[in-house]
């Protein structure tokens, strides 16, 4: 028994892996996306597939019934008078109901891989409220006493340190059981490719869905920017595609590709 005690006396510190978040400043464990796009948990929600999956799962879990039970000799029964029943089933805090609270917690779990909630207790030590905390602002560390501590970067109060019994932490898929890995960070290359494809497609159609070209003029133009702005206003964009161009003063359009040829 003494051998195992000496082996596991010093516990490893948790590793806080998160996305390339603006607030927390913690980057992907494996670098940027191959597409060159910076993918964060929040920008990933602009991808329709990510948004749809997160919304459906979060709303479904939040709509499921949540009750408090106690075991009896005959099985189990609901305990309506338990202090946690109203907290979990109806109102976890004065600012949101149970559906919204669980939807937020599930969204955090799906995007960051972790869900943190502050536990507020009354004078008797009973749980009086639960408030969700942003995962990108939370860091989990192990103190010199071997206990886990949660450091939260608050916008108004600065860094606030919570003990383990002051935070309700739901851990997602991870390697140490203490910190979950961000699913967005794990799928950053696929999401980054989707963002790059949408950006390229938007740029393509904003330029009439055709490659860029040049306007040739036989003389000297004093204000070429005005000519280009007028051309783009009249014939740029997908709504103006295939319109008949009217050219004056010897101006003629030419494709950039023809110049290379």
Protein backbone atom coordinates (compact mmCIF):
# COMPACT_ATOMS: atom_id res chain seq x y z
CA UNK A 1 0.00 0.00 0.00
CA UNK A 2 2.94 2.31 0.72
CA UNK A 3 4.18 1.91 -2.85
CA UNK A 4 0.91 3.19 -4.37
CA UNK A 5 0.79 6.04 -1.85
CA UNK A 6 4.21 7.25 -2.92
CA UNK A 7 3.36 6.89 -6.60
CA UNK A 8 0.15 8.93 -6.52
CA UNK A 9 0.95 11.40 -3.76
CA UNK A 10 1.74 14.19 -6.22
CA UNK A 11 -1.11 14.69 -8.68
CA UNK A 12 -0.56 16.11 -12.16
CA UNK A 13 -1.74 19.61 -12.93
CA UNK A 14 -4.67 19.92 -15.36
CA UNK A 15 -3.95 21.31 -18.80
CA UNK A 16 -6.29 24.07 -19.91
CA UNK A 17 -6.85 23.47 -23.63
CA UNK A 18 -9.23 25.88 -25.30
CA UNK A 19 -9.76 27.64 -28.61
CA UNK A 20 -8.04 30.72 -30.00
CA UNK A 21 -10.24 32.89 -27.79
CA UNK A 22 -9.95 36.65 -27.70
CA UNK A 23 -10.82 36.93 -24.02
CA UNK A 24 -8.90 34.02 -22.51
CA UNK A 25 -5.93 34.12 -24.88
CA UNK A 26 -5.50 30.34 -24.88
CA UNK A 27 -4.70 28.94 -28.29
CA UNK A 28 -5.44 25.66 -30.01
CA UNK A 29 -3.30 22.80 -28.74
CA UNK A 30 -2.30 21.95 -32.32
CA UNK A 31 -1.92 25.40 -33.91
CA UNK A 32 -4.06 27.28 -36.41
CA UNK A 33 -6.35 25.74 -39.00
CA UNK A 34 -4.68 24.58 -42.23
CA UNK A 35 -6.87 27.00 -44.19
CA UNK A 36 -5.16 29.89 -42.42
CA UNK A 37 -8.39 30.96 -40.72
CA UNK A 38 -8.53 31.64 -37.01
CA UNK A 39 -11.34 29.50 -35.66
CA UNK A 40 -12.76 30.22 -32.20
CA UNK A 41 -15.69 28.76 -30.34
CA UNK A 42 -17.70 31.91 -31.06
CA UNK A 43 -16.79 32.38 -34.73
CA UNK A 44 -17.49 28.68 -35.34
CA UNK A 45 -21.15 29.39 -34.54
CA UNK A 46 -21.31 31.42 -37.78
CA UNK A 47 -20.94 28.12 -39.62
CA UNK A 48 -24.45 26.84 -40.23
CA UNK A 49 -23.60 23.20 -39.50
CA UNK A 50 -22.01 24.04 -36.14
CA UNK A 51 -24.85 26.36 -35.16
CA UNK A 52 -27.53 23.82 -36.11
CA UNK A 53 -25.86 20.98 -34.19
CA UNK A 54 -25.28 23.05 -31.07
CA UNK A 55 -28.80 24.50 -31.11
CA UNK A 56 -30.55 21.15 -31.59
CA UNK A 57 -28.55 19.33 -28.91
CA UNK A 58 -28.68 22.19 -26.39
CA UNK A 59 -32.41 22.81 -26.80
CA UNK A 60 -33.21 19.08 -26.67
CA UNK A 61 -31.26 18.52 -23.46
CA UNK A 62 -32.75 21.68 -21.90
CA UNK A 63 -36.30 20.52 -22.69
CA UNK A 64 -35.88 17.15 -20.96
CA UNK A 65 -37.54 16.80 -17.53
CA UNK A 66 -35.23 17.28 -14.57
CA UNK A 67 -36.37 16.01 -11.17
CA UNK A 68 -34.82 15.19 -7.81
CA UNK A 69 -35.33 11.63 -6.54
CA UNK A 70 -34.56 9.75 -3.35
CA UNK A 71 -34.20 6.01 -2.97
CA UNK A 72 -36.71 4.18 -0.79
CA UNK A 73 -37.28 0.58 0.16
CA UNK A 74 -39.75 0.26 -2.71
CA UNK A 75 -37.53 1.95 -5.29
CA UNK A 76 -37.40 5.72 -5.67
CA UNK A 77 -39.73 8.70 -5.51
CA UNK A 78 -39.66 12.38 -6.40
CA UNK A 79 -38.73 14.74 -3.60
CA UNK A 80 -40.63 17.98 -4.21
CA UNK A 81 -39.65 19.52 -0.89
CA UNK A 82 -35.89 19.06 -1.41
CA UNK A 83 -34.00 22.41 -1.56
CA UNK A 84 -32.47 21.47 -4.94
CA UNK A 85 -35.78 20.54 -6.59
CA UNK A 86 -36.99 24.08 -7.25
CA UNK A 87 -33.44 25.16 -8.08
CA UNK A 88 -32.96 22.52 -10.80
CA UNK A 89 -36.53 22.11 -12.01
CA UNK A 90 -37.73 25.72 -12.00
CA UNK A 91 -35.42 28.65 -11.27
CA UNK A 92 -31.65 28.15 -10.78
CA UNK A 93 -31.17 31.90 -10.26
CA UNK A 94 -33.32 35.07 -10.39
CA UNK A 95 -32.10 35.91 -13.92
CA UNK A 96 -33.04 32.74 -15.82
CA UNK A 97 -35.26 29.67 -15.67
CA UNK A 98 -34.16 26.04 -15.74
CA UNK A 99 -34.53 25.71 -19.52
CA UNK A 100 -32.29 28.70 -20.28
CA UNK A 101 -29.73 27.68 -17.67
CA UNK A 102 -29.39 24.14 -19.00
CA UNK A 103 -29.33 25.41 -22.60
CA UNK A 104 -26.43 27.73 -21.76
CA UNK A 105 -24.56 25.00 -19.87
CA UNK A 106 -24.98 22.55 -22.74
CA UNK A 107 -23.84 25.17 -25.27
CA UNK A 108 -20.67 25.77 -23.26
CA UNK A 109 -20.07 22.03 -23.03
CA UNK A 110 -20.49 21.54 -26.78
CA UNK A 111 -18.27 24.45 -27.77
CA UNK A 112 -15.60 24.63 -25.05
CA UNK A 113 -15.80 21.08 -23.71
CA UNK A 114 -16.44 22.41 -20.20
CA UNK A 115 -19.39 23.91 -18.37
CA UNK A 116 -18.75 26.02 -15.26
CA UNK A 117 -21.38 27.39 -12.88
CA UNK A 118 -20.84 29.34 -9.69
CA UNK A 119 -22.51 27.79 -6.64
CA UNK A 120 -24.05 30.39 -4.32
CA UNK A 121 -24.90 29.14 -0.84
CA UNK A 122 -27.03 30.59 1.94
CA UNK A 123 -26.08 30.94 5.59
CA UNK A 124 -26.90 27.28 6.28
CA UNK A 125 -24.56 26.09 3.51
CA UNK A 126 -27.41 25.06 1.20
CA UNK A 127 -27.20 25.77 -2.53
CA UNK A 128 -29.28 28.88 -3.15
CA UNK A 129 -28.44 29.64 -6.81
CA UNK A 130 -26.38 28.57 -9.81
CA UNK A 131 -24.87 31.12 -12.23
CA UNK A 132 -23.16 30.06 -15.50
CA UNK A 133 -19.59 31.24 -16.04
CA UNK A 134 -17.87 31.73 -19.39
CA UNK A 135 -15.46 28.83 -20.03
CA UNK A 136 -13.01 30.99 -21.97
CA UNK A 137 -12.38 33.04 -18.81
CA UNK A 138 -11.83 30.05 -16.51
CA UNK A 139 -8.53 28.35 -15.69
CA UNK A 140 -8.25 25.22 -13.55
CA UNK A 141 -5.08 24.62 -11.59
CA UNK A 142 -3.85 22.48 -8.73
CA UNK A 143 -2.51 24.25 -5.67
CA UNK A 144 0.45 23.33 -3.51
CA UNK A 145 -1.97 21.55 -1.17
CA UNK A 146 -3.03 19.21 -3.99
CA UNK A 147 -6.53 20.67 -4.28
CA UNK A 148 -8.12 22.04 -7.45
CA UNK A 149 -8.73 25.78 -7.74
CA UNK A 150 -10.73 27.64 -10.38
CA UNK A 151 -9.49 31.09 -11.42
CA UNK A 152 -12.08 33.22 -13.21
CA UNK A 153 -11.15 36.42 -15.04
CA UNK A 154 -14.06 38.74 -14.29
CA UNK A 155 -14.46 41.94 -16.29
CA UNK A 156 -15.37 43.97 -13.19
CA UNK A 157 -13.75 42.15 -10.25
CA UNK A 158 -10.54 40.96 -11.88
CA UNK A 159 -9.31 37.44 -11.09
CA UNK A 160 -11.54 35.53 -8.69
CA UNK A 161 -10.38 32.21 -7.24
CA UNK A 162 -12.99 29.56 -6.41
CA UNK A 163 -12.51 26.34 -4.50
CA UNK A 164 -13.78 23.06 -5.92
CA UNK A 165 -17.00 23.09 -3.87
CA UNK A 166 -17.84 26.58 -5.15
CA UNK A 167 -18.00 25.59 -8.84
CA UNK A 168 -20.31 23.12 -10.56
CA UNK A 169 -18.02 21.80 -13.30
CA UNK A 170 -19.28 19.47 -16.03
CA UNK A 171 -16.27 17.96 -17.80
CA UNK A 172 -16.52 17.03 -21.46
CA UNK A 173 -14.37 14.60 -23.42
CA UNK A 174 -10.77 14.88 -22.30
CA UNK A 175 -7.68 12.94 -21.32
CA UNK A 176 -7.32 13.52 -17.57
CA UNK A 177 -10.93 13.70 -16.38
CA UNK A 178 -10.31 17.18 -14.99
CA UNK A 179 -10.47 19.37 -18.11
CA UNK A 180 -12.46 18.71 -21.27
CA UNK A 181 -11.05 19.53 -24.69
CA UNK A 182 -12.81 21.99 -26.94
CA UNK A 183 -14.64 20.11 -29.73
CA UNK A 184 -14.16 23.20 -31.91
CA UNK A 185 -10.39 23.04 -31.38
CA UNK A 186 -10.39 19.37 -32.29
CA UNK A 187 -12.36 20.05 -35.52
CA UNK A 188 -10.69 23.36 -36.34
CA UNK A 189 -9.43 22.27 -39.77
CA UNK A 190 -12.86 21.22 -41.03
CA UNK A 191 -14.52 24.34 -39.62
CA UNK A 192 -11.73 26.56 -40.93
CA UNK A 193 -12.19 25.07 -44.41
CA UNK A 194 -15.92 25.84 -44.24
CA UNK A 195 -15.24 29.44 -43.20
CA UNK A 196 -12.65 29.87 -45.97
CA UNK A 197 -15.05 28.40 -48.56
CA UNK A 198 -17.86 30.73 -47.49
CA UNK A 199 -15.53 33.74 -47.58
CA UNK A 200 -14.25 32.80 -51.03
CA UNK A 201 -17.76 32.22 -52.36
CA UNK A 202 -18.99 35.53 -50.95
CA UNK A 203 -16.06 37.37 -52.53
CA UNK A 204 -16.67 35.56 -55.83
CA UNK A 205 -20.33 36.55 -56.07
CA UNK A 206 -19.73 40.11 -54.83
CA UNK A 207 -17.62 40.58 -57.96
CA UNK A 208 -20.39 39.45 -60.33
CA UNK A 209 -19.26 35.84 -60.13
CA UNK A 210 -16.56 36.49 -62.75
CA UNK A 211 -12.77 36.96 -62.59
CA UNK A 212 -11.40 40.49 -62.27
CA UNK A 213 -10.72 42.42 -65.45
CA UNK A 214 -9.31 45.69 -66.73
CA UNK A 215 -10.70 48.74 -68.52
CA UNK A 216 -8.47 50.00 -71.31
CA UNK A 217 -8.56 53.67 -72.28
CA UNK A 218 -6.68 55.08 -75.30
CA UNK A 219 -5.77 58.30 -73.51
CA UNK A 220 -4.76 59.50 -70.04
CA UNK A 221 -7.28 59.38 -67.18
CA UNK A 222 -6.98 62.01 -64.47
CA UNK A 223 -9.30 60.21 -62.04
CA UNK A 224 -9.19 56.44 -62.69
CA UNK A 225 -10.66 55.69 -59.26
CA UNK A 226 -13.93 57.38 -60.19
CA UNK A 227 -14.15 55.36 -63.41
CA UNK A 228 -13.57 52.12 -61.53
CA UNK A 229 -16.09 53.07 -58.82
CA UNK A 230 -18.70 53.89 -61.45
CA UNK A 231 -18.06 50.58 -63.23
CA UNK A 232 -18.35 48.56 -60.03
CA UNK A 233 -21.51 50.40 -59.00
CA UNK A 234 -23.15 49.71 -62.37
CA UNK A 235 -21.96 46.17 -63.08
CA UNK A 236 -20.52 44.79 -59.80
CA UNK A 237 -22.31 42.29 -57.57
CA UNK A 238 -24.41 39.25 -58.35
CA UNK A 239 -27.51 41.44 -58.82
CA UNK A 240 -25.88 43.24 -61.76
CA UNK A 241 -24.48 40.15 -63.45
CA UNK A 242 -24.92 39.84 -67.25
CA UNK A 243 -25.98 43.48 -67.70
CA UNK A 244 -25.09 45.13 -71.01
CA UNK A 245 -22.18 47.53 -70.57
CA UNK A 246 -22.22 50.93 -72.28
CA UNK A 247 -18.71 52.26 -72.94
CA UNK A 248 -17.61 55.72 -74.06
CA UNK A 249 -14.48 57.51 -75.25
CA UNK A 250 -12.81 54.39 -76.63
CA UNK A 251 -12.91 52.47 -73.34
CA UNK A 252 -13.07 48.72 -73.77
CA UNK A 253 -13.08 45.93 -71.16
CA UNK A 254 -10.44 43.24 -71.27
CA UNK A 255 -9.98 40.10 -69.21
CA UNK A 256 -6.83 39.81 -67.13
CA UNK A 257 -6.46 36.28 -68.46
CA UNK A 258 -6.10 37.61 -72.01
CA UNK A 259 -3.15 39.74 -70.93
CA UNK A 260 -1.37 36.67 -69.58
CA UNK A 261 -2.05 34.78 -72.78
